C-alpha atoms as a PDB file:
ATOM      1  CA  MET A   1     227.032 -51.207 198.726  1.00  0.00           C
ATOM      2  CA  GLN A   2     228.929 -49.227 201.532  1.00  0.00           C
ATOM      3  CA  LEU A   3     232.193 -50.500 199.947  1.00  0.00           C
ATOM      4  CA  PHE A   4     231.330 -49.295 196.451  1.00  0.00           C
ATOM      5  CA  ARG A   5     230.121 -45.936 197.979  1.00  0.00           C
ATOM      6  CA  ALA A   6     233.491 -45.407 199.693  1.00  0.00           C
ATOM      7  CA  LEU A   7     235.218 -46.304 196.365  1.00  0.00           C
ATOM      8  CA  VAL A   8     233.282 -43.828 194.021  1.00  0.00           C
ATOM      9  CA  SER A   9     233.345 -41.081 196.616  1.00  0.00           C
ATOM     10  CA  SER A  10     237.210 -40.716 195.918  1.00  0.00           C
ATOM     11  CA  LEU A  11     238.266 -38.603 193.038  1.00  0.00           C
ATOM     12  CA  GLY A  12     241.165 -40.952 192.719  1.00  0.00           C
ATOM     13  CA  ALA A  13     238.826 -43.961 192.388  1.00  0.00           C
ATOM     14  CA  ILE A  14     236.693 -42.145 189.708  1.00  0.00           C
ATOM     15  CA  VAL A  15     240.209 -41.410 187.752  1.00  0.00           C
ATOM     16  CA  LEU A  16     241.135 -44.885 188.225  1.00  0.00           C
ATOM     17  CA  LEU A  17     237.926 -46.628 186.871  1.00  0.00           C
ATOM     18  CA  VAL A  18     237.745 -43.977 183.980  1.00  0.00           C
ATOM     19  CA  SER A  19     241.232 -44.656 182.954  1.00  0.00           C
ATOM     20  CA  ALA A  20     240.806 -48.527 183.174  1.00  0.00           C
ATOM     21  CA  LEU A  21     237.835 -48.124 181.087  1.00  0.00           C
ATOM     22  CA  ILE A  22     239.411 -46.039 178.390  1.00  0.00           C
ATOM     23  CA  ASP A  23     242.485 -48.576 178.379  1.00  0.00           C
ATOM     24  CA  ALA A  24     240.101 -51.442 177.555  1.00  0.00           C
ATOM     25  CA  ILE A  25     238.058 -49.523 175.015  1.00  0.00           C
ATOM     26  CA  LEU A  26     241.501 -48.462 173.149  1.00  0.00           C
ATOM     27  CA  ALA A  27     242.760 -52.360 173.438  1.00  0.00           C
ATOM     28  CA  VAL A  28     239.485 -53.701 171.956  1.00  0.00           C
ATOM     29  CA  GLY A  29     239.311 -50.786 169.203  1.00  0.00           C
ATOM     30  CA  VAL A  30     242.804 -51.371 168.089  1.00  0.00           C
ATOM     31  CA  LEU A  31     242.548 -55.082 167.956  1.00  0.00           C
ATOM     32  CA  ARG A  32     239.516 -54.993 165.922  1.00  0.00           C
ATOM     33  CA  SER A  33     241.163 -52.567 163.517  1.00  0.00           C
ATOM     34  CA  ASN A  34     243.303 -55.237 162.408  1.00  0.00           C
ATOM     35  CA  PRO A  35     243.152 -58.542 164.317  1.00  0.00           C
ATOM     36  CA  ARG A  36     245.788 -60.197 162.153  1.00  0.00           C
ATOM     37  CA  SER A  37     248.670 -57.717 162.975  1.00  0.00           C
ATOM     38  CA  ALA A  38     251.113 -58.704 165.572  1.00  0.00           C
ATOM     39  CA  THR A  39     251.353 -55.177 166.398  1.00  0.00           C
ATOM     40  CA  ASN A  40     247.829 -54.703 167.180  1.00  0.00           C
ATOM     41  CA  ARG A  41     247.672 -58.006 169.278  1.00  0.00           C
ATOM     42  CA  ILE A  42     250.563 -57.193 171.270  1.00  0.00           C
ATOM     43  CA  PHE A  43     249.232 -53.599 171.910  1.00  0.00           C
ATOM     44  CA  PHE A  44     245.897 -55.305 173.065  1.00  0.00           C
ATOM     45  CA  ALA A  45     247.766 -57.342 175.678  1.00  0.00           C
ATOM     46  CA  LEU A  46     249.978 -54.296 176.753  1.00  0.00           C
ATOM     47  CA  SER A  47     246.778 -52.417 177.277  1.00  0.00           C
ATOM     48  CA  ILE A  48     245.041 -55.076 179.382  1.00  0.00           C
ATOM     49  CA  SER A  49     248.115 -55.458 181.623  1.00  0.00           C
ATOM     50  CA  ILE A  50     248.218 -51.856 182.108  1.00  0.00           C
ATOM     51  CA  MET A  51     244.568 -51.930 182.983  1.00  0.00           C
ATOM     52  CA  LEU A  52     244.917 -54.621 185.489  1.00  0.00           C
ATOM     53  CA  TRP A  53     247.978 -52.921 186.909  1.00  0.00           C
ATOM     54  CA  LEU A  54     246.010 -49.699 187.262  1.00  0.00           C
ATOM     55  CA  LEU A  55     243.337 -51.463 189.266  1.00  0.00           C
ATOM     56  CA  THR A  56     245.806 -52.728 191.899  1.00  0.00           C
ATOM     57  CA  TYR A  57     245.986 -49.038 192.924  1.00  0.00           C
ATOM     58  CA  VAL A  58     242.809 -49.491 194.952  1.00  0.00           C
ATOM     59  CA  ALA A  59     245.311 -50.594 197.653  1.00  0.00           C
ATOM     60  CA  TYR A  60     245.467 -46.922 198.490  1.00  0.00           C
ATOM     61  CA  PHE A  61     241.820 -46.639 199.345  1.00  0.00           C
ATOM     62  CA  PRO A  62     240.809 -47.156 202.893  1.00  0.00           C
ATOM     63  CA  SER A  63     238.035 -49.762 202.079  1.00  0.00           C
ATOM     64  CA  PHE A  64     240.827 -52.084 200.696  1.00  0.00           C
ATOM     65  CA  SER A  65     243.095 -51.821 203.694  1.00  0.00           C
ATOM     66  CA  ALA A  66     242.535 -55.613 204.419  1.00  0.00           C
ATOM     67  CA  TYR A  67     244.015 -56.545 201.018  1.00  0.00           C
ATOM     68  CA  THR A  68     246.881 -54.039 200.763  1.00  0.00           C
ATOM     69  CA  LEU A  69     249.551 -56.853 200.682  1.00  0.00           C
ATOM     70  CA  LEU A  70     247.884 -58.799 197.953  1.00  0.00           C
ATOM     71  CA  LEU A  71     247.315 -55.786 195.850  1.00  0.00           C
ATOM     72  CA  VAL A  72     250.747 -54.550 196.005  1.00  0.00           C
ATOM     73  CA  ARG A  73     252.001 -58.032 195.096  1.00  0.00           C
ATOM     74  CA  LEU A  74     249.503 -57.910 192.310  1.00  0.00           C
ATOM     75  CA  GLY A  75     250.895 -54.625 191.350  1.00  0.00           C
ATOM     76  CA  ILE A  76     254.323 -55.908 190.512  1.00  0.00           C
ATOM     77  CA  PHE A  77     252.635 -59.213 189.270  1.00  0.00           C
ATOM     78  CA  PHE A  78     250.921 -57.303 186.334  1.00  0.00           C
ATOM     79  CA  ALA A  79     253.982 -54.825 185.955  1.00  0.00           C
ATOM     80  CA  ALA A  80     256.308 -57.731 184.918  1.00  0.00           C
ATOM     81  CA  PRO A  81     254.436 -58.677 181.737  1.00  0.00           C
ATOM     82  CA  MET A  82     253.969 -54.880 180.970  1.00  0.00           C
ATOM     83  CA  SER A  83     257.631 -54.608 180.721  1.00  0.00           C
ATOM     84  CA  MET A  84     258.146 -57.721 178.435  1.00  0.00           C
ATOM     85  CA  LEU A  85     255.142 -56.567 176.246  1.00  0.00           C
ATOM     86  CA  PHE A  86     256.566 -53.106 175.937  1.00  0.00           C
ATOM     87  CA  PHE A  87     259.827 -54.582 174.658  1.00  0.00           C
ATOM     88  CA  LEU A  88     257.996 -56.948 172.313  1.00  0.00           C
ATOM     89  CA  PHE A  89     255.830 -54.124 171.067  1.00  0.00           C
ATOM     90  CA  ALA A  90     258.797 -52.001 170.273  1.00  0.00           C
ATOM     91  CA  HIS A  91     260.462 -54.831 168.579  1.00  0.00           C
ATOM     92  CA  THR A  92     257.370 -55.510 166.383  1.00  0.00           C
ATOM     93  CA  VAL A  93     255.890 -52.150 165.597  1.00  0.00           C
ATOM     94  CA  PRO A  94     254.953 -51.356 162.871  1.00  0.00           C
ATOM     95  CA  HIS A  95     255.259 -54.768 161.283  1.00  0.00           C
ATOM     96  CA  GLU A  96     252.231 -57.400 161.170  1.00  0.00           C
ATOM     97  CA  ASN A  97     254.441 -60.148 162.269  1.00  0.00           C
ATOM     98  CA  ILE A  98     256.662 -60.817 165.248  1.00  0.00           C
ATOM     99  CA  GLN A  99     260.332 -59.991 164.296  1.00  0.00           C
ATOM    100  CA  LEU A 100     261.722 -61.721 167.328  1.00  0.00           C
ATOM    101  CA  ASP A 101     263.458 -65.263 166.936  1.00  0.00           C
ATOM    102  CA  ARG A 102     261.144 -67.913 168.026  1.00  0.00           C
ATOM    103  CA  ARG A 103     263.384 -69.502 170.555  1.00  0.00           C
ATOM    104  CA  LEU A 104     264.244 -66.130 172.105  1.00  0.00           C
ATOM    105  CA  PHE A 105     260.378 -65.387 172.121  1.00  0.00           C
ATOM    106  CA  TRP A 106     259.864 -68.326 174.393  1.00  0.00           C
ATOM    107  CA  ILE A 107     262.969 -67.898 176.661  1.00  0.00           C
ATOM    108  CA  ILE A 108     261.440 -64.406 177.260  1.00  0.00           C
ATOM    109  CA  LEU A 109     257.955 -65.743 178.137  1.00  0.00           C
ATOM    110  CA  VAL A 110     259.344 -68.197 180.611  1.00  0.00           C
ATOM    111  CA  GLU A 111     261.534 -65.830 182.442  1.00  0.00           C
ATOM    112  CA  THR A 112     258.635 -63.392 182.607  1.00  0.00           C
ATOM    113  CA  ALA A 113     256.277 -66.074 183.961  1.00  0.00           C
ATOM    114  CA  ALA A 114     258.953 -66.994 186.595  1.00  0.00           C
ATOM    115  CA  VAL A 115     259.338 -63.403 187.793  1.00  0.00           C
ATOM    116  CA  MET A 116     255.573 -63.171 187.781  1.00  0.00           C
ATOM    117  CA  ALA A 117     255.377 -66.196 190.055  1.00  0.00           C
ATOM    118  CA  LEU A 118     258.130 -64.793 192.457  1.00  0.00           C
ATOM    119  CA  ASN A 119     256.253 -61.514 192.517  1.00  0.00           C
ATOM    120  CA  LEU A 120     253.214 -63.055 194.221  1.00  0.00           C
ATOM    121  CA  SER A 121     255.589 -64.663 197.022  1.00  0.00           C
ATOM    122  CA  PRO A 122     256.885 -63.170 200.212  1.00  0.00           C
ATOM    123  CA  TYR A 123     260.106 -62.966 198.749  1.00  0.00           C
ATOM    124  CA  ALA A 124     258.907 -59.885 196.806  1.00  0.00           C
ATOM    125  CA  PHE A 125     256.993 -58.139 199.621  1.00  0.00           C
ATOM    126  CA  SER A 126     256.618 -59.502 203.138  1.00  0.00           C
ATOM    127  CA  SER A 127     254.388 -56.857 204.497  1.00  0.00           C
ATOM    128  CA  ALA A 128     252.466 -53.867 203.153  1.00  0.00           C
ATOM    129  CA  VAL A 129     250.262 -51.198 204.957  1.00  0.00           C
ATOM    130  CA  ILE A 130     249.104 -47.695 204.035  1.00  0.00           C
ATOM    131  CA  ILE A 131     249.661 -45.106 206.667  1.00  0.00           C
ATOM    132  CA  ASP A 132     248.307 -41.479 206.008  1.00  0.00           C
ATOM    133  CA  GLY A 133     247.913 -42.404 202.260  1.00  0.00           C
ATOM    134  CA  ASN A 134     251.413 -43.405 201.915  1.00  0.00           C
ATOM    135  CA  LEU A 135     252.457 -47.162 201.216  1.00  0.00           C
ATOM    136  CA  HIS A 136     254.970 -48.726 203.665  1.00  0.00           C
ATOM    137  CA  ALA A 137     256.123 -52.088 202.311  1.00  0.00           C
ATOM    138  CA  GLN A 138     258.853 -54.503 203.433  1.00  0.00           C
ATOM    139  CA  ALA A 139     260.462 -55.590 200.261  1.00  0.00           C
ATOM    140  CA  GLY A 140     262.154 -58.952 199.818  1.00  0.00           C
ATOM    141  CA  PRO A 141     265.321 -60.040 197.679  1.00  0.00           C
ATOM    142  CA  GLY A 142     262.819 -61.503 195.085  1.00  0.00           C
ATOM    143  CA  LEU A 143     262.037 -57.897 194.011  1.00  0.00           C
ATOM    144  CA  ILE A 144     265.665 -57.519 192.526  1.00  0.00           C
ATOM    145  CA  ALA A 145     264.751 -59.908 189.772  1.00  0.00           C
ATOM    146  CA  PHE A 146     261.791 -57.785 188.697  1.00  0.00           C
ATOM    147  CA  ALA A 147     263.697 -54.427 188.997  1.00  0.00           C
ATOM    148  CA  VAL A 148     266.381 -56.001 186.735  1.00  0.00           C
ATOM    149  CA  ILE A 149     264.092 -57.619 184.327  1.00  0.00           C
ATOM    150  CA  SER A 150     261.808 -54.664 183.896  1.00  0.00           C
ATOM    151  CA  THR A 151     264.690 -52.037 183.836  1.00  0.00           C
ATOM    152  CA  PHE A 152     266.286 -54.235 181.093  1.00  0.00           C
ATOM    153  CA  PHE A 153     263.214 -54.603 178.952  1.00  0.00           C
ATOM    154  CA  SER A 154     262.309 -50.844 179.276  1.00  0.00           C
ATOM    155  CA  ILE A 155     265.776 -49.513 178.461  1.00  0.00           C
ATOM    156  CA  LEU A 156     265.994 -52.051 175.501  1.00  0.00           C
ATOM    157  CA  ALA A 157     262.574 -51.030 174.084  1.00  0.00           C
ATOM    158  CA  ILE A 158     263.231 -47.354 174.037  1.00  0.00           C
ATOM    159  CA  ALA A 159     266.721 -47.961 172.362  1.00  0.00           C
ATOM    160  CA  ILE A 160     264.881 -50.080 169.706  1.00  0.00           C
ATOM    161  CA  LEU A 161     262.402 -47.394 169.109  1.00  0.00           C
ATOM    162  CA  ILE A 162     265.083 -44.669 168.663  1.00  0.00           C
ATOM    163  CA  GLN A 163     266.953 -46.867 166.304  1.00  0.00           C
ATOM    164  CA  LYS A 164     263.943 -47.510 164.251  1.00  0.00           C
ATOM    165  CA  ALA A 165     263.110 -43.877 164.052  1.00  0.00           C
ATOM    166  CA  ILE A 166     266.572 -43.196 162.589  1.00  0.00           C
ATOM    167  CA  ARG A 167     266.589 -46.033 160.242  1.00  0.00           C
ATOM    168  CA  TYR A 168     262.943 -46.079 158.897  1.00  0.00           C
ATOM    169  CA  ARG A 169     261.438 -43.701 156.359  1.00  0.00           C
ATOM    170  CA  GLY A 170     258.008 -42.563 155.321  1.00  0.00           C
ATOM    171  CA  GLU A 171     254.934 -43.817 157.241  1.00  0.00           C
ATOM    172  CA  GLU A 172     256.887 -46.544 159.399  1.00  0.00           C
ATOM    173  CA  ARG A 173     259.044 -43.760 160.697  1.00  0.00           C
ATOM    174  CA  LYS A 174     256.155 -41.532 161.529  1.00  0.00           C
ATOM    175  CA  GLN A 175     254.383 -44.579 163.475  1.00  0.00           C
ATOM    176  CA  VAL A 176     257.555 -45.048 165.380  1.00  0.00           C
ATOM    177  CA  GLU A 177     257.985 -41.446 166.226  1.00  0.00           C
ATOM    178  CA  ALA A 178     254.391 -41.207 167.402  1.00  0.00           C
ATOM    179  CA  VAL A 179     255.009 -44.111 169.933  1.00  0.00           C
ATOM    180  CA  LEU A 180     258.344 -42.309 171.203  1.00  0.00           C
ATOM    181  CA  VAL A 181     256.263 -39.190 171.634  1.00  0.00           C
ATOM    182  CA  GLY A 182     253.771 -41.061 173.692  1.00  0.00           C
ATOM    183  CA  ILE A 183     256.475 -42.575 175.887  1.00  0.00           C
ATOM    184  CA  ILE A 184     258.311 -39.441 176.492  1.00  0.00           C
ATOM    185  CA  LEU A 185     255.231 -37.437 177.281  1.00  0.00           C
ATOM    186  CA  MET A 186     254.152 -40.239 179.954  1.00  0.00           C
ATOM    187  CA  LEU A 187     257.566 -40.344 181.369  1.00  0.00           C
ATOM    188  CA  ALA A 188     257.688 -36.573 181.683  1.00  0.00           C
ATOM    189  CA  LEU A 189     254.493 -36.426 183.570  1.00  0.00           C
ATOM    190  CA  ILE A 190     255.440 -39.374 185.771  1.00  0.00           C
ATOM    191  CA  ILE A 191     258.879 -37.809 186.633  1.00  0.00           C
ATOM    192  CA  GLY A 192     257.610 -34.160 187.060  1.00  0.00           C
ATOM    193  CA  THR A 193     254.331 -34.523 188.896  1.00  0.00           C
ATOM    194  CA  VAL A 194     254.990 -37.867 190.652  1.00  0.00           C
ATOM    195  CA  LEU A 195     258.556 -38.650 191.525  1.00  0.00           C
ATOM    196  CA  ILE A 196     260.146 -35.383 192.003  1.00  0.00           C
ATOM    197  CA  PRO A 197     257.317 -34.035 194.312  1.00  0.00           C
ATOM    198  CA  LEU A 198     257.517 -37.479 196.295  1.00  0.00           C
ATOM    199  CA  ILE A 199     261.278 -37.280 196.460  1.00  0.00           C
ATOM    200  CA  LEU A 200     261.718 -33.622 197.295  1.00  0.00           C
ATOM    201  CA  PHE A 201     258.588 -32.674 199.249  1.00  0.00           C
ATOM    202  CA  SER A 202     257.218 -36.050 200.325  1.00  0.00           C
ATOM    203  CA  SER A 203     253.906 -35.095 198.430  1.00  0.00           C
ATOM    204  CA  GLY A 204     251.773 -37.602 196.621  1.00  0.00           C
ATOM    205  CA  LEU A 205     249.240 -35.019 195.457  1.00  0.00           C
ATOM    206  CA  PHE A 206     249.440 -36.157 191.792  1.00  0.00           C
ATOM    207  CA  VAL A 207     249.749 -39.804 192.283  1.00  0.00           C
ATOM    208  CA  ALA A 208     245.744 -40.082 191.838  1.00  0.00           C
ATOM    209  CA  PHE A 209     246.281 -38.835 188.338  1.00  0.00           C
ATOM    210  CA  LEU A 210     249.071 -41.554 187.451  1.00  0.00           C
ATOM    211  CA  PRO A 211     246.343 -43.650 185.462  1.00  0.00           C
ATOM    212  CA  PHE A 212     245.881 -40.573 183.069  1.00  0.00           C
ATOM    213  CA  TYR A 213     249.481 -40.615 182.432  1.00  0.00           C
ATOM    214  CA  THR A 214     249.383 -44.142 181.076  1.00  0.00           C
ATOM    215  CA  LEU A 215     246.837 -42.942 178.848  1.00  0.00           C
ATOM    216  CA  ALA A 216     249.251 -40.337 177.108  1.00  0.00           C
ATOM    217  CA  PHE A 217     251.118 -43.285 175.838  1.00  0.00           C
ATOM    218  CA  LEU A 218     248.212 -45.624 174.970  1.00  0.00           C
ATOM    219  CA  GLY A 219     246.389 -42.961 173.252  1.00  0.00           C
ATOM    220  CA  VAL A 220     249.246 -41.818 171.057  1.00  0.00           C
ATOM    221  CA  THR A 221     250.178 -45.383 170.301  1.00  0.00           C
ATOM    222  CA  ALA A 222     246.675 -46.350 169.344  1.00  0.00           C
ATOM    223  CA  TYR A 223     246.542 -43.478 166.960  1.00  0.00           C
ATOM    224  CA  ALA A 224     250.008 -44.449 165.459  1.00  0.00           C
ATOM    225  CA  ILE A 225     248.638 -47.949 164.968  1.00  0.00           C
ATOM    226  CA  THR A 226     245.269 -47.108 163.529  1.00  0.00           C
ATOM    227  CA  ARG A 227     246.465 -44.106 161.333  1.00  0.00           C
ATOM    228  CA  TYR A 228     245.621 -46.172 158.421  1.00  0.00           C
ATOM    229  CA  HIS A 229     242.062 -46.900 159.816  1.00  0.00           C
ATOM    230  CA  LEU A 230     241.116 -43.410 161.047  1.00  0.00           C
ATOM    231  CA  PHE A 231     237.407 -44.232 160.844  1.00  0.00           C
ATOM    232  CA  ASP A 232     238.036 -46.945 163.343  1.00  0.00           C
ATOM    233  CA  LEU A 233     239.618 -44.490 165.543  1.00  0.00           C
ATOM    234  CA  LYS A 234     236.700 -42.366 165.452  1.00  0.00           C
ATOM    235  CA  VAL A 235     234.528 -45.400 166.784  1.00  0.00           C
ATOM    236  CA  ILE A 236     237.106 -45.809 169.632  1.00  0.00           C
ATOM    237  CA  ALA A 237     236.972 -42.013 170.621  1.00  0.00           C
ATOM    238  CA  THR A 238     233.183 -42.326 170.667  1.00  0.00           C
ATOM    239  CA  ALA A 239     233.120 -45.425 172.776  1.00  0.00           C
ATOM    240  CA  ALA A 240     235.832 -44.055 175.213  1.00  0.00           C
ATOM    241  CA  PHE A 241     233.473 -40.914 175.640  1.00  0.00           C
ATOM    242  CA  VAL A 242     230.325 -42.991 176.102  1.00  0.00           C
ATOM    243  CA  GLY A 243     232.025 -45.104 178.576  1.00  0.00           C
ATOM    244  CA  VAL A 244     233.373 -42.259 180.819  1.00  0.00           C
ATOM    245  CA  LEU A 245     229.935 -40.614 180.713  1.00  0.00           C
ATOM    246  CA  LEU A 246     228.193 -43.961 181.734  1.00  0.00           C
ATOM    247  CA  VAL A 247     230.620 -44.365 184.580  1.00  0.00           C
ATOM    248  CA  LEU A 248     229.992 -40.951 185.995  1.00  0.00           C
ATOM    249  CA  LEU A 249     226.160 -41.395 185.596  1.00  0.00           C
ATOM    250  CA  PHE A 250     226.394 -44.688 187.271  1.00  0.00           C
ATOM    251  CA  SER A 251     228.072 -43.454 190.093  1.00  0.00           C
ATOM    252  CA  ARG A 252     225.630 -40.721 190.907  1.00  0.00           C
ATOM    253  CA  ILE A 253     223.064 -43.338 191.593  1.00  0.00           C
ATOM    254  CA  PHE A 254     225.004 -44.313 194.975  1.00  0.00           C
ATOM    255  CA  PHE A 255     225.133 -40.619 196.119  1.00  0.00           C
ATOM    256  CA  ALA A 256     221.226 -39.912 195.710  1.00  0.00           C
ATOM    257  CA  ALA A 257     219.704 -38.732 198.921  1.00  0.00           C
ATOM    258  CA  THR A 258     216.309 -40.045 198.418  1.00  0.00           C
ATOM    259  CA  PHE A 259     214.681 -42.979 196.761  1.00  0.00           C
ATOM    260  CA  ALA A 260     212.956 -40.790 194.271  1.00  0.00           C
ATOM    261  CA  ASP A 261     216.487 -39.369 193.277  1.00  0.00           C
ATOM    262  CA  VAL A 262     217.752 -43.014 192.827  1.00  0.00           C
ATOM    263  CA  ILE A 263     214.818 -43.812 190.533  1.00  0.00           C
ATOM    264  CA  VAL A 264     215.565 -40.603 188.419  1.00  0.00           C
ATOM    265  CA  ASP A 265     219.300 -41.238 188.220  1.00  0.00           C
ATOM    266  CA  LEU A 266     218.554 -44.869 187.413  1.00  0.00           C
ATOM    267  CA  ALA A 267     216.262 -43.559 184.592  1.00  0.00           C
ATOM    268  CA  ILE A 268     218.782 -41.166 183.070  1.00  0.00           C
ATOM    269  CA  PHE A 269     221.517 -43.911 183.225  1.00  0.00           C
ATOM    270  CA  LEU A 270     219.339 -46.297 181.324  1.00  0.00           C
ATOM    271  CA  ALA A 271     218.379 -43.701 178.807  1.00  0.00           C
ATOM    272  CA  THR A 272     221.719 -42.661 178.172  1.00  0.00           C
ATOM    273  CA  VAL A 273     222.821 -46.464 177.757  1.00  0.00           C
ATOM    274  CA  ILE A 274     220.128 -46.694 175.101  1.00  0.00           C
ATOM    275  CA  PHE A 275     221.187 -43.339 173.345  1.00  0.00           C
ATOM    276  CA  SER A 276     224.888 -44.316 173.479  1.00  0.00           C
ATOM    277  CA  TRP A 277     224.292 -47.732 171.847  1.00  0.00           C
ATOM    278  CA  LEU A 278     222.225 -45.934 168.997  1.00  0.00           C
ATOM    279  CA  LEU A 279     224.902 -43.322 168.893  1.00  0.00           C
ATOM    280  CA  ILE A 280     227.834 -45.850 168.379  1.00  0.00           C
ATOM    281  CA  LYS A 281     225.657 -47.898 165.975  1.00  0.00           C
ATOM    282  CA  SER A 282     224.947 -44.858 163.762  1.00  0.00           C
ATOM    283  CA  VAL A 283     228.616 -43.827 163.903  1.00  0.00           C
ATOM    284  CA  ARG A 284     229.679 -47.415 162.995  1.00  0.00           C
ATOM    285  CA  LYS A 285     227.122 -47.373 160.204  1.00  0.00           C
ATOM    286  CA  GLU A 286     228.557 -44.085 158.874  1.00  0.00           C
ATOM    287  CA  ILE A 287     232.011 -45.546 158.912  1.00  0.00           C
ATOM    288  CA  GLU A 288     231.105 -48.598 157.053  1.00  0.00           C
ATOM    289  CA  GLN A 289     229.421 -46.358 154.362  1.00  0.00           C
ATOM    290  CA  ARG A 290     232.568 -44.242 154.052  1.00  0.00           C
ATOM    291  CA  GLU A 291     234.523 -47.345 153.932  1.00  0.00           C
ATOM    292  CA  GLU A 292     232.591 -48.622 151.120  1.00  0.00           C
ATOM    293  CA  LEU A 293     232.712 -45.243 149.293  1.00  0.00           C
ATOM    294  CA  GLU A 294     236.474 -45.275 149.610  1.00  0.00           C
ATOM    295  CA  LEU A 295     236.438 -48.800 148.363  1.00  0.00           C
ATOM    296  CA  VAL A 296     234.439 -47.785 145.154  1.00  0.00           C
ATOM    297  CA  ASN A 297     236.716 -44.577 144.749  1.00  0.00           C
ATOM    298  CA  ALA A 298     239.779 -46.824 144.813  1.00  0.00           C
ATOM    299  CA  LYS A 299     238.274 -49.240 142.244  1.00  0.00           C
ATOM    300  CA  LEU A 300     237.466 -46.073 139.987  1.00  0.00           C
ATOM    301  CA  ASP A 301     241.020 -45.021 140.487  1.00  0.00           C
ATOM    302  CA  ALA A 302     242.353 -48.172 139.291  1.00  0.00           C
ATOM    303  CA  ALA A 303     239.951 -48.296 136.407  1.00  0.00           C
ATOM    304  CA  ASN A 304     241.129 -44.801 135.325  1.00  0.00           C
ATOM    305  CA  ARG A 305     244.718 -45.633 135.615  1.00  0.00           C
ATOM    306  CA  GLN A 306     244.108 -48.814 133.556  1.00  0.00           C
ATOM    307  CA  LEU A 307     242.349 -46.701 131.080  1.00  0.00           C
ATOM    308  CA  GLU A 308     245.175 -44.284 130.881  1.00  0.00           C
ATOM    309  CA  ASP A 309     247.605 -46.954 130.402  1.00  0.00           C
ATOM    310  CA  LEU A 310     245.465 -48.502 127.602  1.00  0.00           C
ATOM    311  CA  SER A 311     245.324 -45.070 125.917  1.00  0.00           C
ATOM    312  CA  ARG A 312     249.036 -44.542 126.177  1.00  0.00           C
ATOM    313  CA  PHE A 313     249.452 -47.963 124.717  1.00  0.00           C
ATOM    314  CA  LYS A 314     247.260 -47.368 121.794  1.00  0.00           C
ATOM    315  CA  SER A 315     249.297 -44.118 121.128  1.00  0.00           C
ATOM    316  CA  GLN A 316     252.393 -45.875 121.061  1.00  0.00           C
ATOM    317  CA  LEU A 317     251.112 -48.642 118.795  1.00  0.00           C
ATOM    318  CA  LEU A 318     249.850 -46.222 116.246  1.00  0.00           C
ATOM    319  CA  SER A 319     253.041 -44.203 116.354  1.00  0.00           C
ATOM    320  CA  LEU A 320     255.090 -47.485 115.906  1.00  0.00           C
ATOM    321  CA  ALA A 321     252.772 -48.890 113.201  1.00  0.00           C
ATOM    322  CA  SER A 322     252.775 -45.471 111.164  1.00  0.00           C
ATOM    323  CA  HIS A 323     256.566 -45.353 111.501  1.00  0.00           C
ATOM    324  CA  GLN A 324     257.016 -48.991 110.246  1.00  0.00           C
ATOM    325  CA  ILE A 325     254.791 -48.248 107.222  1.00  0.00           C
ATOM    326  CA  ARG A 326     256.060 -44.737 106.362  1.00  0.00           C
ATOM    327  CA  SER A 327     259.847 -45.835 106.229  1.00  0.00           C
ATOM    328  CA  PRO A 328     259.660 -48.467 103.438  1.00  0.00           C
ATOM    329  CA  LEU A 329     257.255 -46.196 101.552  1.00  0.00           C
ATOM    330  CA  ALA A 330     259.704 -43.321 101.907  1.00  0.00           C
ATOM    331  CA  ALA A 331     262.450 -45.386 100.500  1.00  0.00           C
ATOM    332  CA  ILE A 332     260.137 -46.714  97.520  1.00  0.00           C
ATOM    333  CA  LYS A 333     259.226 -43.316  96.801  1.00  0.00           C
ATOM    334  CA  GLY A 334     262.611 -41.953  96.978  1.00  0.00           C
ATOM    335  CA  PHE A 335     264.059 -44.717  94.464  1.00  0.00           C
ATOM    336  CA  ALA A 336     260.949 -44.245  92.035  1.00  0.00           C
ATOM    337  CA  SER A 337     261.539 -40.482  91.911  1.00  0.00           C
ATOM    338  CA  LEU A 338     265.298 -41.178  91.019  1.00  0.00           C
ATOM    339  CA  ILE A 339     264.291 -43.649  88.312  1.00  0.00           C
ATOM    340  CA  LEU A 340     261.751 -41.085  86.893  1.00  0.00           C
ATOM    341  CA  ASP A 341     264.138 -38.253  86.909  1.00  0.00           C
ATOM    342  CA  GLY A 342     266.742 -40.346  84.963  1.00  0.00           C
ATOM    343  CA  SER A 343     269.364 -40.505  87.551  1.00  0.00           C
ATOM    344  CA  TYR A 344     269.934 -44.078  86.384  1.00  0.00           C
ATOM    345  CA  GLY A 345     269.912 -43.394  82.747  1.00  0.00           C
ATOM    346  CA  PRO A 346     267.085 -43.575  80.314  1.00  0.00           C
ATOM    347  CA  VAL A 347     263.887 -45.604  81.370  1.00  0.00           C
ATOM    348  CA  ASP A 348     262.111 -47.768  78.791  1.00  0.00           C
ATOM    349  CA  GLU A 349     258.413 -48.043  78.897  1.00  0.00           C
ATOM    350  CA  ARG A 350     258.427 -51.477  80.475  1.00  0.00           C
ATOM    351  CA  ALA A 351     260.526 -50.033  83.612  1.00  0.00           C
END
């Protein structure tokens, strides 16, 4: 209980928990929108790896000082698949099948697994402590492999997305451009408010908000993927809002001054859980009804187009038939007129 109280008493911890929760909701929502799509599945794996990586930031909290070295190693352990999945996502989006060669795909997986195993060893970090809120870690030679592979995958992923944004057209280009916007926004926030203050002023004031910066990329990318399923996105947004609200209400229980306050806060939390469940259920029902209505409208549009095609075919058939009938009759009438006029000489009664 004291450990959890110390955790939630920090603004950084609240930001961390909320960000991790939203990451999980986005991951599940995007996957459910189209489970068969490789783009959606890779985004799910990428979001989960980012969520696990964010949770290792509890190493900065005093309550976890005994686990600092383990959490630092876990941080780069989860960062390795993030880089690989980022590259794989950039190579796949917006297609529903993985575009990478199967042999190359397995080579990348094996290399990433090897780097992940190395990151958990003393060859990556031999020691790590938090002093005055700053991390002091002794890096080993094994960290070079992680730095090389993560940098390589990140640069390659951005290059692939830029190439796709130039080559693609229509909706596919808009999806890729949205992903690029998310990446640029995330990098701009990290560089502008975290790296520059740390390098120039030794200030880590905005480090606690790093989890929110990852949401800039995940949120925009989730929208780009689900732009064909905007109703699903509405469910995701509702679930994310509800999740954040529940985390905040649940944390209030541990700040209650008296037992009566605990009971009141617990009752409010439970009532909010029930209301949230009903709200999400109502939103999902509305979405299903709208999707059914869209399906009916699509069928009606298809039937109308078919009727228009039949009407056009009927008009063409009548025009062709009348032309085919009128042409020989005109010729017969013309020759009959010439005969009756005597153009071919006198005509006897039999003719």
